[in-house]
């Protein structure tokens, strides 16, 4: 439905909680998705039971979290005809290279930008 109203490429950001990511990837591609982004990091609030408040802390991704998206990128590469993007755990060049080797067309980061800032990111 989205593809029928826009002329730009459409990418879907997935979460890792589907029971069959491969099947879902094919369904999305057949539905018109041009790309898939692995994986969406959900905001997960907590409760402070002593203060009876919601805790709104943000946990940034770490480089050790790349294994699951790395696996699925490698599994989907060449099997689902879409552009593949990686977005979990990218802290520097090492993670980018690993993702590209697994089949990603692009790697994205937000956590590293928040942690190090733009000017210091190239040192990571």
PDB file of N, CA and C in Angstrom:
ATOM      1  N   UNK A   1       0.821  -1.186   0.000  1.00  0.00           N
ATOM      2  CA  UNK A   1       0.000   0.000   0.000  1.00  0.00           C
ATOM      3  C   UNK A   1       0.868   1.255   0.000  1.00  0.00           C
ATOM      4  N   UNK A   2       1.931   1.260   0.787  1.00  0.00           N
ATOM      5  CA  UNK A   2       2.822   2.419   0.817  1.00  0.00           C
ATOM      6  C   UNK A   2       3.459   2.609  -0.557  1.00  0.00           C
ATOM      7  N   UNK A   3       3.929   1.526  -1.156  1.00  0.00           N
ATOM      8  CA  UNK A   3       4.609   1.599  -2.450  1.00  0.00           C
ATOM      9  C   UNK A   3       3.707   2.130  -3.553  1.00  0.00           C
ATOM     10  N   UNK A   4       2.408   1.982  -3.416  1.00  0.00           N
ATOM     11  CA  UNK A   4       1.498   2.490  -4.436  1.00  0.00           C
ATOM     12  C   UNK A   4       1.315   4.005  -4.356  1.00  0.00           C
ATOM     13  N   UNK A   5       1.756   4.606  -3.244  1.00  0.00           N
ATOM     14  CA  UNK A   5       1.567   6.053  -3.086  1.00  0.00           C
ATOM     15  C   UNK A   5       2.864   6.853  -3.084  1.00  0.00           C
ATOM     16  N   UNK A   6       4.017   6.201  -3.046  1.00  0.00           N
ATOM     17  CA  UNK A   6       5.298   6.915  -3.045  1.00  0.00           C
ATOM     18  C   UNK A   6       6.175   6.401  -4.182  1.00  0.00           C
ATOM     19  N   UNK A   7       7.098   7.254  -4.608  1.00  0.00           N
ATOM     20  CA  UNK A   7       8.003   6.852  -5.688  1.00  0.00           C
ATOM     21  C   UNK A   7       9.430   6.661  -5.203  1.00  0.00           C
ATOM     22  N   UNK A   8       9.629   6.714  -3.894  1.00  0.00           N
ATOM     23  CA  UNK A   8      10.956   6.525  -3.317  1.00  0.00           C
ATOM     24  C   UNK A   8      11.100   5.092  -2.806  1.00  0.00           C
ATOM     25  N   UNK A   9      12.326   4.613  -2.653  1.00  0.00           N
ATOM     26  CA  UNK A   9      12.508   3.269  -2.083  1.00  0.00           C
ATOM     27  C   UNK A   9      11.967   3.193  -0.655  1.00  0.00           C
ATOM     28  N   UNK A  10      11.433   2.053  -0.301  1.00  0.00           N
ATOM     29  CA  UNK A  10      10.870   1.838   1.032  1.00  0.00           C
ATOM     30  C   UNK A  10      11.651   0.727   1.727  1.00  0.00           C
ATOM     31  N   UNK A  11      12.173   1.045   2.909  1.00  0.00           N
ATOM     32  CA  UNK A  11      12.877   0.056   3.725  1.00  0.00           C
ATOM     33  C   UNK A  11      12.070  -0.189   4.989  1.00  0.00           C
ATOM     34  N   UNK A  12      12.055  -1.420   5.431  1.00  0.00           N
ATOM     35  CA  UNK A  12      11.331  -1.817   6.632  1.00  0.00           C
ATOM     36  C   UNK A  12      12.346  -2.165   7.708  1.00  0.00           C
ATOM     37  N   UNK A  13      12.199  -1.540   8.860  1.00  0.00           N
ATOM     38  CA  UNK A  13      13.086  -1.836   9.983  1.00  0.00           C
ATOM     39  C   UNK A  13      12.434  -2.941  10.808  1.00  0.00           C
ATOM     40  N   UNK A  14      13.096  -4.093  10.845  1.00  0.00           N
ATOM     41  CA  UNK A  14      12.552  -5.264  11.529  1.00  0.00           C
ATOM     42  C   UNK A  14      13.057  -5.380  12.959  1.00  0.00           C
ATOM     43  N   UNK A  15      12.313  -6.105  13.750  1.00  0.00           N
ATOM     44  CA  UNK A  15      12.808  -6.502  15.067  1.00  0.00           C
ATOM     45  C   UNK A  15      13.200  -7.976  14.982  1.00  0.00           C
ATOM     46  N   UNK A  16      13.992  -8.470  15.923  1.00  0.00           N
ATOM     47  CA  UNK A  16      14.455  -9.860  15.837  1.00  0.00           C
ATOM     48  C   UNK A  16      13.483 -10.876  16.421  1.00  0.00           C
ATOM     49  N   UNK A  17      12.244 -10.481  16.705  1.00  0.00           N
ATOM     50  CA  UNK A  17      11.343 -11.348  17.442  1.00  0.00           C
ATOM     51  C   UNK A  17      10.334 -12.093  16.581  1.00  0.00           C
ATOM     52  N   UNK A  18      10.505 -12.094  15.270  1.00  0.00           N
ATOM     53  CA  UNK A  18       9.636 -12.903  14.422  1.00  0.00           C
ATOM     54  C   UNK A  18      10.030 -14.366  14.566  1.00  0.00           C
ATOM     55  N   UNK A  19       9.054 -15.261  14.477  1.00  0.00           N
ATOM     56  CA  UNK A  19       9.374 -16.688  14.595  1.00  0.00           C
ATOM     57  C   UNK A  19      10.063 -17.206  13.341  1.00  0.00           C
ATOM     58  N   UNK A  20       9.908 -16.506  12.236  1.00  0.00           N
ATOM     59  CA  UNK A  20      10.565 -16.899  10.990  1.00  0.00           C
ATOM     60  C   UNK A  20      10.980 -15.636  10.234  1.00  0.00           C
ATOM     61  N   UNK A  21      12.150 -15.140  10.543  1.00  0.00           N
ATOM     62  CA  UNK A  21      12.616 -13.898   9.931  1.00  0.00           C
ATOM     63  C   UNK A  21      12.773 -14.062   8.419  1.00  0.00           C
ATOM     64  N   UNK A  22      13.264 -15.203   7.981  1.00  0.00           N
ATOM     65  CA  UNK A  22      13.415 -15.440   6.549  1.00  0.00           C
ATOM     66  C   UNK A  22      12.099 -15.376   5.805  1.00  0.00           C
ATOM     67  N   UNK A  23      11.083 -16.017   6.348  1.00  0.00           N
ATOM     68  CA  UNK A  23       9.753 -16.004   5.734  1.00  0.00           C
ATOM     69  C   UNK A  23       9.189 -14.585   5.721  1.00  0.00           C
ATOM     70  N   UNK A  24       9.342 -13.865   6.836  1.00  0.00           N
ATOM     71  CA  UNK A  24       8.841 -12.492   6.913  1.00  0.00           C
ATOM     72  C   UNK A  24       9.573 -11.596   5.909  1.00  0.00           C
ATOM     73  N   UNK A  25      10.882 -11.789   5.768  1.00  0.00           N
ATOM     74  CA  UNK A  25      11.655 -10.997   4.815  1.00  0.00           C
ATOM     75  C   UNK A  25      11.139 -11.198   3.391  1.00  0.00           C
ATOM     76  N   UNK A  26      10.863 -12.440   3.024  1.00  0.00           N
ATOM     77  CA  UNK A  26      10.319 -12.711   1.689  1.00  0.00           C
ATOM     78  C   UNK A  26       8.939 -12.098   1.498  1.00  0.00           C
ATOM     79  N   UNK A  27       8.097 -12.187   2.508  1.00  0.00           N
ATOM     80  CA  UNK A  27       6.757 -11.587   2.419  1.00  0.00           C
ATOM     81  C   UNK A  27       6.846 -10.072   2.244  1.00  0.00           C
ATOM     82  N   UNK A  28       7.760  -9.435   2.971  1.00  0.00           N
ATOM     83  CA  UNK A  28       7.914  -7.980   2.853  1.00  0.00           C
ATOM     84  C   UNK A  28       8.450  -7.598   1.478  1.00  0.00           C
ATOM     85  N   UNK A  29       9.398  -8.365   0.970  1.00  0.00           N
ATOM     86  CA  UNK A  29       9.936  -8.103  -0.363  1.00  0.00           C
ATOM     87  C   UNK A  29       8.838  -8.267  -1.411  1.00  0.00           C
ATOM     88  N   UNK A  30       8.060  -9.316  -1.314  1.00  0.00           N
ATOM     89  CA  UNK A  30       6.966  -9.540  -2.265  1.00  0.00           C
ATOM     90  C   UNK A  30       5.891  -8.467  -2.138  1.00  0.00           C
ATOM     91  N   UNK A  31       5.786  -7.873  -0.960  1.00  0.00           N
ATOM     92  CA  UNK A  31       4.834  -6.785  -0.739  1.00  0.00           C
ATOM     93  C   UNK A  31       5.351  -5.433  -1.204  1.00  0.00           C
ATOM     94  N   UNK A  32       6.588  -5.401  -1.692  1.00  0.00           N
ATOM     95  CA  UNK A  32       7.104  -4.154  -2.248  1.00  0.00           C
ATOM     96  C   UNK A  32       8.273  -3.523  -1.528  1.00  0.00           C
ATOM     97  N   UNK A  33       8.722  -4.093  -0.427  1.00  0.00           N
ATOM     98  CA  UNK A  33       9.857  -3.504   0.301  1.00  0.00           C
ATOM     99  C   UNK A  33      11.111  -3.556  -0.571  1.00  0.00           C
ATOM    100  N   UNK A  34      11.829  -2.444  -0.598  1.00  0.00           N
ATOM    101  CA  UNK A  34      13.089  -2.372  -1.344  1.00  0.00           C
ATOM    102  C   UNK A  34      14.275  -2.723  -0.462  1.00  0.00           C
ATOM    103  N   UNK A  35      14.105  -2.600   0.847  1.00  0.00           N
ATOM    104  CA  UNK A  35      15.198  -2.870   1.758  1.00  0.00           C
ATOM    105  C   UNK A  35      14.702  -3.306   3.115  1.00  0.00           C
ATOM    106  N   UNK A  36      15.594  -3.979   3.847  1.00  0.00           N
ATOM    107  CA  UNK A  36      15.309  -4.407   5.213  1.00  0.00           C
ATOM    108  C   UNK A  36      16.436  -3.921   6.109  1.00  0.00           C
ATOM    109  N   UNK A  37      16.061  -3.443   7.281  1.00  0.00           N
ATOM    110  CA  UNK A  37      17.028  -2.962   8.265  1.00  0.00           C
ATOM    111  C   UNK A  37      16.975  -3.904   9.459  1.00  0.00           C
ATOM    112  N   UNK A  38      18.125  -4.489   9.804  1.00  0.00           N
ATOM    113  CA  UNK A  38      18.214  -5.451  10.898  1.00  0.00           C
ATOM    114  C   UNK A  38      19.060  -4.867  12.017  1.00  0.00           C
ATOM    115  N   UNK A  39      18.596  -4.697  13.151  1.00  0.00           N
ATOM    116  CA  UNK A  39      17.284  -4.881  13.725  1.00  0.00           C
ATOM    117  C   UNK A  39      16.897  -3.622  14.487  1.00  0.00           C
ATOM    118  N   UNK A  40      15.618  -3.429  14.666  1.00  0.00           N
ATOM    119  CA  UNK A  40      15.119  -2.301  15.433  1.00  0.00           C
ATOM    120  C   UNK A  40      15.359  -2.541  16.920  1.00  0.00           C
ATOM    121  N   UNK A  41      15.825  -1.518  17.596  1.00  0.00           N
ATOM    122  CA  UNK A  41      16.049  -1.605  19.038  1.00  0.00           C
ATOM    123  C   UNK A  41      14.875  -0.908  19.727  1.00  0.00           C
ATOM    124  N   UNK A  42      14.075  -1.678  20.423  1.00  0.00           N
ATOM    125  CA  UNK A  42      12.903  -1.128  21.087  1.00  0.00           C
ATOM    126  C   UNK A  42      13.284  -0.351  22.341  1.00  0.00           C
ATOM    127  N   UNK A  43      12.559   0.713  22.566  1.00  0.00           N
ATOM    128  CA  UNK A  43      12.672   1.424  23.827  1.00  0.00           C
ATOM    129  C   UNK A  43      12.020   0.543  24.886  1.00  0.00           C
ATOM    130  N   UNK A  44      12.736   0.270  25.968  1.00  0.00           N
ATOM    131  CA  UNK A  44      12.237  -0.640  26.989  1.00  0.00           C
ATOM    132  C   UNK A  44      12.310   0.017  28.365  1.00  0.00           C
ATOM    133  N   UNK A  45      11.245   0.676  28.775  1.00  0.00           N
ATOM    134  CA  UNK A  45      11.259   1.297  30.100  1.00  0.00           C
ATOM    135  C   UNK A  45      11.218   0.248  31.205  1.00  0.00           C
ATOM    136  N   UNK A  46      11.529   0.680  32.395  1.00  0.00           N
ATOM    137  CA  UNK A  46      11.527  -0.197  33.563  1.00  0.00           C
ATOM    138  C   UNK A  46      10.686   0.482  34.645  1.00  0.00           C
ATOM    139  N   UNK A  47      10.496  -0.199  35.770  1.00  0.00           N
ATOM    140  CA  UNK A  47       9.780   0.374  36.907  1.00  0.00           C
ATOM    141  C   UNK A  47      10.696   0.453  38.118  1.00  0.00           C
ATOM    142  N   UNK A  48      10.663   1.568  38.796  1.00  0.00           N
ATOM    143  CA  UNK A  48      11.318   1.713  40.090  1.00  0.00           C
ATOM    144  C   UNK A  48      10.238   1.387  41.114  1.00  0.00           C
ATOM    145  N   UNK A  49      10.332   0.210  41.738  1.00  0.00           N
ATOM    146  CA  UNK A  49       9.259  -0.232  42.641  1.00  0.00           C
ATOM    147  C   UNK A  49       9.276   0.503  43.976  1.00  0.00           C
ATOM    148  N   UNK A  50      10.389   1.127  44.332  1.00  0.00           N
ATOM    149  CA  UNK A  50      10.445   1.890  45.579  1.00  0.00           C
ATOM    150  C   UNK A  50       9.835   3.277  45.423  1.00  0.00           C
ATOM    151  N   UNK A  51      10.090   3.898  44.280  1.00  0.00           N
ATOM    152  CA  UNK A  51       9.560   5.241  44.013  1.00  0.00           C
ATOM    153  C   UNK A  51       8.232   5.206  43.262  1.00  0.00           C
ATOM    154  N   UNK A  52       7.835   4.018  42.803  1.00  0.00           N
ATOM    155  CA  UNK A  52       6.623   3.833  42.009  1.00  0.00           C
ATOM    156  C   UNK A  52       6.618   4.764  40.796  1.00  0.00           C
ATOM    157  N   UNK A  53       7.733   4.725  40.064  1.00  0.00           N
ATOM    158  CA  UNK A  53       7.890   5.551  38.873  1.00  0.00           C
ATOM    159  C   UNK A  53       8.389   4.699  37.713  1.00  0.00           C
ATOM    160  N   UNK A  54       8.101   5.177  36.536  1.00  0.00           N
ATOM    161  CA  UNK A  54       8.669   4.559  35.343  1.00  0.00           C
ATOM    162  C   UNK A  54      10.081   5.103  35.171  1.00  0.00           C
ATOM    163  N   UNK A  55      11.013   4.213  34.901  1.00  0.00           N
ATOM    164  CA  UNK A  55      12.404   4.598  34.690  1.00  0.00           C
ATOM    165  C   UNK A  55      12.633   4.707  33.183  1.00  0.00           C
ATOM    166  N   UNK A  56      12.982   5.904  32.759  1.00  0.00           N
ATOM    167  CA  UNK A  56      13.197   6.165  31.332  1.00  0.00           C
ATOM    168  C   UNK A  56      14.687   6.263  31.042  1.00  0.00           C
ATOM    169  N   UNK A  57      15.406   5.181  31.230  1.00  0.00           N
ATOM    170  CA  UNK A  57      16.832   5.227  30.905  1.00  0.00           C
ATOM    171  C   UNK A  57      17.055   4.613  29.531  1.00  0.00           C
ATOM    172  N   UNK A  58      18.072   5.088  28.872  1.00  0.00           N
ATOM    173  CA  UNK A  58      18.360   4.637  27.519  1.00  0.00           C
ATOM    174  C   UNK A  58      19.628   3.793  27.538  1.00  0.00           C
ATOM    175  N   UNK A  59      19.533   2.571  27.062  1.00  0.00           N
ATOM    176  CA  UNK A  59      20.695   1.699  26.947  1.00  0.00           C
ATOM    177  C   UNK A  59      21.133   1.687  25.486  1.00  0.00           C
ATOM    178  N   UNK A  60      22.328   2.175  25.253  1.00  0.00           N
ATOM    179  CA  UNK A  60      22.852   2.197  23.897  1.00  0.00           C
ATOM    180  C   UNK A  60      23.367   0.818  23.509  1.00  0.00           C
ATOM    181  N   UNK A  61      23.348   0.552  22.214  1.00  0.00           N
ATOM    182  CA  UNK A  61      23.837  -0.742  21.760  1.00  0.00           C
ATOM    183  C   UNK A  61      25.354  -0.819  21.906  1.00  0.00           C
ATOM    184  N   UNK A  62      25.835  -2.041  22.031  1.00  0.00           N
ATOM    185  CA  UNK A  62      27.262  -2.313  22.194  1.00  0.00           C
ATOM    186  C   UNK A  62      27.718  -3.230  21.061  1.00  0.00           C
ATOM    187  N   UNK A  63      29.010  -3.236  20.794  1.00  0.00           N
ATOM    188  CA  UNK A  63      29.531  -4.019  19.680  1.00  0.00           C
ATOM    189  C   UNK A  63      29.281  -5.518  19.831  1.00  0.00           C
ATOM    190  N   UNK A  64      29.155  -6.003  21.064  1.00  0.00           N
ATOM    191  CA  UNK A  64      28.917  -7.440  21.251  1.00  0.00           C
ATOM    192  C   UNK A  64      27.502  -7.861  20.854  1.00  0.00           C
ATOM    193  N   UNK A  65      26.654  -6.917  20.459  1.00  0.00           N
ATOM    194  CA  UNK A  65      25.284  -7.227  20.059  1.00  0.00           C
ATOM    195  C   UNK A  65      25.139  -7.482  18.556  1.00  0.00           C
ATOM    196  N   UNK A  66      26.238  -7.517  17.817  1.00  0.00           N
ATOM    197  CA  UNK A  66      26.114  -7.653  16.367  1.00  0.00           C
ATOM    198  C   UNK A  66      25.878  -9.082  15.900  1.00  0.00           C
ATOM    199  N   UNK A  67      26.048 -10.050  16.752  1.00  0.00           N
ATOM    200  CA  UNK A  67      26.017 -11.442  16.289  1.00  0.00           C
ATOM    201  C   UNK A  67      24.668 -11.871  15.705  1.00  0.00           C
ATOM    202  N   UNK A  68      23.572 -11.513  16.324  1.00  0.00           N
ATOM    203  CA  UNK A  68      22.268 -11.915  15.789  1.00  0.00           C
ATOM    204  C   UNK A  68      21.987 -11.240  14.438  1.00  0.00           C
ATOM    205  N   UNK A  69      22.130  -9.927  14.316  1.00  0.00           N
ATOM    206  CA  UNK A  69      21.921  -9.346  12.988  1.00  0.00           C
ATOM    207  C   UNK A  69      22.959  -9.818  11.970  1.00  0.00           C
ATOM    208  N   UNK A  70      24.176 -10.082  12.406  1.00  0.00           N
ATOM    209  CA  UNK A  70      25.216 -10.595  11.515  1.00  0.00           C
ATOM    210  C   UNK A  70      24.784 -11.945  10.933  1.00  0.00           C
ATOM    211  N   UNK A  71      24.265 -12.801  11.780  1.00  0.00           N
ATOM    212  CA  UNK A  71      23.769 -14.109  11.341  1.00  0.00           C
ATOM    213  C   UNK A  71      22.659 -13.950  10.311  1.00  0.00           C
ATOM    214  N   UNK A  72      21.667 -13.098  10.616  1.00  0.00           N
ATOM    215  CA  UNK A  72      20.527 -12.969   9.720  1.00  0.00           C
ATOM    216  C   UNK A  72      20.883 -12.256   8.429  1.00  0.00           C
ATOM    217  N   UNK A  73      21.807 -11.330   8.472  1.00  0.00           N
ATOM    218  CA  UNK A  73      22.265 -10.713   7.223  1.00  0.00           C
ATOM    219  C   UNK A  73      22.879 -11.766   6.312  1.00  0.00           C
ATOM    220  N   UNK A  74      23.731 -12.596   6.870  1.00  0.00           N
ATOM    221  CA  UNK A  74      24.370 -13.651   6.090  1.00  0.00           C
ATOM    222  C   UNK A  74      23.341 -14.647   5.561  1.00  0.00           C
ATOM    223  N   UNK A  75      22.321 -14.947   6.362  1.00  0.00           N
ATOM    224  CA  UNK A  75      21.284 -15.893   5.929  1.00  0.00           C
ATOM    225  C   UNK A  75      20.411 -15.304   4.819  1.00  0.00           C
ATOM    226  N   UNK A  76      20.110 -14.018   4.882  1.00  0.00           N
ATOM    227  CA  UNK A  76      19.225 -13.394   3.899  1.00  0.00           C
ATOM    228  C   UNK A  76      19.946 -12.989   2.618  1.00  0.00           C
ATOM    229  N   UNK A  77      21.243 -12.708   2.733  1.00  0.00           N
ATOM    230  CA  UNK A  77      22.008 -12.235   1.583  1.00  0.00           C
ATOM    231  C   UNK A  77      21.946 -13.248   0.429  1.00  0.00           C
ATOM    232  N   UNK A  78      21.553 -12.756  -0.727  1.00  0.00           N
ATOM    233  CA  UNK A  78      21.447 -13.614  -1.908  1.00  0.00           C
ATOM    234  C   UNK A  78      20.190 -14.450  -1.966  1.00  0.00           C
ATOM    235  N   UNK A  79      19.405 -14.457  -0.908  1.00  0.00           N
ATOM    236  CA  UNK A  79      18.173 -15.252  -0.876  1.00  0.00           C
ATOM    237  C   UNK A  79      16.920 -14.385  -0.964  1.00  0.00           C
ATOM    238  N   UNK A  80      17.027 -13.156  -0.491  1.00  0.00           N
ATOM    239  CA  UNK A  80      15.907 -12.218  -0.546  1.00  0.00           C
ATOM    240  C   UNK A  80      16.401 -11.009  -1.335  1.00  0.00           C
ATOM    241  N   UNK A  81      15.810 -10.735  -2.493  1.00  0.00           N
ATOM    242  CA  UNK A  81      16.324  -9.674  -3.359  1.00  0.00           C
ATOM    243  C   UNK A  81      15.948  -8.257  -2.903  1.00  0.00           C
ATOM    244  N   UNK A  82      16.539  -7.842  -1.800  1.00  0.00           N
ATOM    245  CA  UNK A  82      16.352  -6.491  -1.266  1.00  0.00           C
ATOM    246  C   UNK A  82      17.705  -5.965  -0.790  1.00  0.00           C
ATOM    247  N   UNK A  83      17.768  -4.670  -0.588  1.00  0.00           N
ATOM    248  CA  UNK A  83      18.949  -4.070   0.031  1.00  0.00           C
ATOM    249  C   UNK A  83      18.908  -4.391   1.522  1.00  0.00           C
ATOM    250  N   UNK A  84      20.060  -4.712   2.093  1.00  0.00           N
ATOM    251  CA  UNK A  84      20.129  -5.069   3.510  1.00  0.00           C
ATOM    252  C   UNK A  84      20.947  -4.038   4.266  1.00  0.00           C
ATOM    253  N   UNK A  85      20.414  -3.615   5.401  1.00  0.00           N
ATOM    254  CA  UNK A  85      21.092  -2.637   6.251  1.00  0.00           C
ATOM    255  C   UNK A  85      21.233  -3.198   7.657  1.00  0.00           C
ATOM    256  N   UNK A  86      22.338  -2.853   8.308  1.00  0.00           N
ATOM    257  CA  UNK A  86      22.599  -3.284   9.684  1.00  0.00           C
ATOM    258  C   UNK A  86      22.577  -2.068  10.587  1.00  0.00           C
ATOM    259  N   UNK A  87      22.004  -2.229  11.781  1.00  0.00           N
ATOM    260  CA  UNK A  87      21.874  -1.069  12.643  1.00  0.00           C
ATOM    261  C   UNK A  87      22.045  -1.357  14.130  1.00  0.00           C
ATOM    262  N   UNK A  88      22.589  -2.481  14.501  1.00  0.00           N
ATOM    263  CA  UNK A  88      22.761  -2.804  15.917  1.00  0.00           C
ATOM    264  C   UNK A  88      24.237  -2.966  16.242  1.00  0.00           C
ATOM    265  N   UNK A  89      24.698  -2.280  17.272  1.00  0.00           N
ATOM    266  CA  UNK A  89      26.042  -2.496  17.787  1.00  0.00           C
ATOM    267  C   UNK A  89      27.179  -1.873  17.012  1.00  0.00           C
ATOM    268  N   UNK A  90      26.887  -0.988  16.086  1.00  0.00           N
ATOM    269  CA  UNK A  90      27.949  -0.373  15.283  1.00  0.00           C
ATOM    270  C   UNK A  90      28.643   0.701  16.118  1.00  0.00           C
ATOM    271  N   UNK A  91      29.865   0.391  16.527  1.00  0.00           N
ATOM    272  CA  UNK A  91      30.654   1.321  17.336  1.00  0.00           C
ATOM    273  C   UNK A  91      31.829   1.905  16.561  1.00  0.00           C
ATOM    274  N   UNK A  92      32.176   1.288  15.443  1.00  0.00           N
ATOM    275  CA  UNK A  92      33.304   1.762  14.661  1.00  0.00           C
ATOM    276  C   UNK A  92      33.490   0.928  13.411  1.00  0.00           C
ATOM    277  N   UNK A  93      34.665   1.053  12.812  1.00  0.00           N
ATOM    278  CA  UNK A  93      34.966   0.414  11.537  1.00  0.00           C
ATOM    279  C   UNK A  93      34.895  -1.111  11.603  1.00  0.00           C
ATOM    280  N   UNK A  94      35.275  -1.709  12.716  1.00  0.00           N
ATOM    281  CA  UNK A  94      35.273  -3.167  12.820  1.00  0.00           C
ATOM    282  C   UNK A  94      33.885  -3.735  12.578  1.00  0.00           C
ATOM    283  N   UNK A  95      32.882  -3.168  13.218  1.00  0.00           N
ATOM    284  CA  UNK A  95      31.519  -3.664  13.051  1.00  0.00           C
ATOM    285  C   UNK A  95      31.015  -3.402  11.632  1.00  0.00           C
ATOM    286  N   UNK A  96      31.344  -2.259  11.076  1.00  0.00           N
ATOM    287  CA  UNK A  96      30.939  -1.945   9.699  1.00  0.00           C
ATOM    288  C   UNK A  96      31.509  -2.989   8.745  1.00  0.00           C
ATOM    289  N   UNK A  97      32.786  -3.297   8.878  1.00  0.00           N
ATOM    290  CA  UNK A  97      33.429  -4.286   8.000  1.00  0.00           C
ATOM    291  C   UNK A  97      32.777  -5.649   8.154  1.00  0.00           C
ATOM    292  N   UNK A  98      32.506  -6.073   9.377  1.00  0.00           N
ATOM    293  CA  UNK A  98      31.847  -7.367   9.595  1.00  0.00           C
ATOM    294  C   UNK A  98      30.481  -7.411   8.931  1.00  0.00           C
ATOM    295  N   UNK A  99      29.712  -6.338   9.092  1.00  0.00           N
ATOM    296  CA  UNK A  99      28.385  -6.297   8.479  1.00  0.00           C
ATOM    297  C   UNK A  99      28.476  -6.328   6.951  1.00  0.00           C
ATOM    298  N   UNK A 100      29.411  -5.608   6.380  1.00  0.00           N
ATOM    299  CA  UNK A 100      29.576  -5.619   4.924  1.00  0.00           C
ATOM    300  C   UNK A 100      29.989  -6.998   4.432  1.00  0.00           C
ATOM    301  N   UNK A 101      30.857  -7.667   5.182  1.00  0.00           N
ATOM    302  CA  UNK A 101      31.265  -9.026   4.818  1.00  0.00           C
ATOM    303  C   UNK A 101      30.099 -10.008   4.876  1.00  0.00           C
ATOM    304  N   UNK A 102      29.158  -9.772   5.774  1.00  0.00           N
ATOM    305  CA  UNK A 102      27.991 -10.655   5.913  1.00  0.00           C
ATOM    306  C   UNK A 102      26.943 -10.409   4.832  1.00  0.00           C
ATOM    307  N   UNK A 103      27.041  -9.273   4.114  1.00  0.00           N
ATOM    308  CA  UNK A 103      26.086  -9.014   3.039  1.00  0.00           C
ATOM    309  C   UNK A 103      25.324  -7.712   3.141  1.00  0.00           C
ATOM    310  N   UNK A 104      25.578  -6.927   4.172  1.00  0.00           N
ATOM    311  CA  UNK A 104      24.886  -5.639   4.300  1.00  0.00           C
ATOM    312  C   UNK A 104      25.367  -4.672   3.225  1.00  0.00           C
ATOM    313  N   UNK A 105      24.460  -3.853   2.741  1.00  0.00           N
ATOM    314  CA  UNK A 105      24.810  -2.786   1.812  1.00  0.00           C
ATOM    315  C   UNK A 105      25.250  -1.534   2.565  1.00  0.00           C
ATOM    316  N   UNK A 106      24.812  -1.434   3.809  1.00  0.00           N
ATOM    317  CA  UNK A 106      25.097  -0.251   4.619  1.00  0.00           C
ATOM    318  C   UNK A 106      25.019  -0.630   6.095  1.00  0.00           C
ATOM    319  N   UNK A 107      25.772   0.086   6.914  1.00  0.00           N
ATOM    320  CA  UNK A 107      25.680  -0.063   8.372  1.00  0.00           C
ATOM    321  C   UNK A 107      25.373   1.310   8.945  1.00  0.00           C
ATOM    322  N   UNK A 108      24.522   1.340   9.948  1.00  0.00           N
ATOM    323  CA  UNK A 108      24.090   2.602  10.545  1.00  0.00           C
ATOM    324  C   UNK A 108      24.392   2.593  12.038  1.00  0.00           C
ATOM    325  N   UNK A 109      24.606   3.777  12.585  1.00  0.00           N
ATOM    326  CA  UNK A 109      24.812   3.875  14.019  1.00  0.00           C
ATOM    327  C   UNK A 109      24.120   5.103  14.577  1.00  0.00           C
ATOM    328  N   UNK A 110      23.608   4.969  15.758  1.00  0.00           N
ATOM    329  CA  UNK A 110      23.108   6.106  16.518  1.00  0.00           C
ATOM    330  C   UNK A 110      23.820   6.118  17.868  1.00  0.00           C
ATOM    331  N   UNK A 111      23.949   4.928  18.467  1.00  0.00           N
ATOM    332  CA  UNK A 111      24.556   4.832  19.796  1.00  0.00           C
ATOM    333  C   UNK A 111      25.960   5.426  19.830  1.00  0.00           C
ATOM    334  N   UNK A 112      26.780   5.107  18.841  1.00  0.00           N
ATOM    335  CA  UNK A 112      28.149   5.627  18.822  1.00  0.00           C
ATOM    336  C   UNK A 112      28.150   7.143  18.701  1.00  0.00           C
ATOM    337  N   UNK A 113      27.217   7.687  17.949  1.00  0.00           N
ATOM    338  CA  UNK A 113      27.126   9.147  17.838  1.00  0.00           C
ATOM    339  C   UNK A 113      26.746   9.772  19.171  1.00  0.00           C
ATOM    340  N   UNK A 114      25.799   9.161  19.868  1.00  0.00           N
ATOM    341  CA  UNK A 114      25.414   9.663  21.193  1.00  0.00           C
ATOM    342  C   UNK A 114      26.575   9.552  22.183  1.00  0.00           C
ATOM    343  N   UNK A 115      27.283   8.443  22.139  1.00  0.00           N
ATOM    344  CA  UNK A 115      28.372   8.204  23.099  1.00  0.00           C
ATOM    345  C   UNK A 115      29.589   9.072  22.844  1.00  0.00           C
ATOM    346  N   UNK A 116      30.016   9.157  21.574  1.00  0.00           N
ATOM    347  CA  UNK A 116      31.300   9.782  21.261  1.00  0.00           C
ATOM    348  C   UNK A 116      31.183  11.137  20.575  1.00  0.00           C
ATOM    349  N   UNK A 117      30.034  11.423  20.000  1.00  0.00           N
ATOM    350  CA  UNK A 117      29.888  12.653  19.229  1.00  0.00           C
ATOM    351  C   UNK A 117      30.476  12.477  17.842  1.00  0.00           C
ATOM    352  N   UNK A 118      30.107  13.352  16.939  1.00  0.00           N
ATOM    353  CA  UNK A 118      30.563  13.249  15.559  1.00  0.00           C
ATOM    354  C   UNK A 118      32.064  13.462  15.444  1.00  0.00           C
ATOM    355  N   UNK A 119      32.593  14.417  16.151  1.00  0.00           N
ATOM    356  CA  UNK A 119      34.026  14.725  15.995  1.00  0.00           C
ATOM    357  C   UNK A 119      34.932  13.615  16.506  1.00  0.00           C
ATOM    358  N   UNK A 120      34.497  12.837  17.505  1.00  0.00           N
ATOM    359  CA  UNK A 120      35.328  11.771  18.056  1.00  0.00           C
ATOM    360  C   UNK A 120      35.021  10.395  17.480  1.00  0.00           C
ATOM    361  N   UNK A 121      34.012  10.278  16.657  1.00  0.00           N
ATOM    362  CA  UNK A 121      33.598   8.970  16.141  1.00  0.00           C
ATOM    363  C   UNK A 121      34.691   8.342  15.272  1.00  0.00           C
ATOM    364  N   UNK A 122      35.419   9.126  14.541  1.00  0.00           N
ATOM    365  CA  UNK A 122      36.441   8.553  13.658  1.00  0.00           C
ATOM    366  C   UNK A 122      37.610   7.931  14.438  1.00  0.00           C
ATOM    367  N   UNK A 123      37.703   8.164  15.727  1.00  0.00           N
ATOM    368  CA  UNK A 123      38.752   7.560  16.551  1.00  0.00           C
ATOM    369  C   UNK A 123      38.383   6.173  17.056  1.00  0.00           C
ATOM    370  N   UNK A 124      37.123   5.789  16.895  1.00  0.00           N
ATOM    371  CA  UNK A 124      36.661   4.506  17.432  1.00  0.00           C
ATOM    372  C   UNK A 124      37.027   3.360  16.536  1.00  0.00           C
TER     373      UNK A 124
END
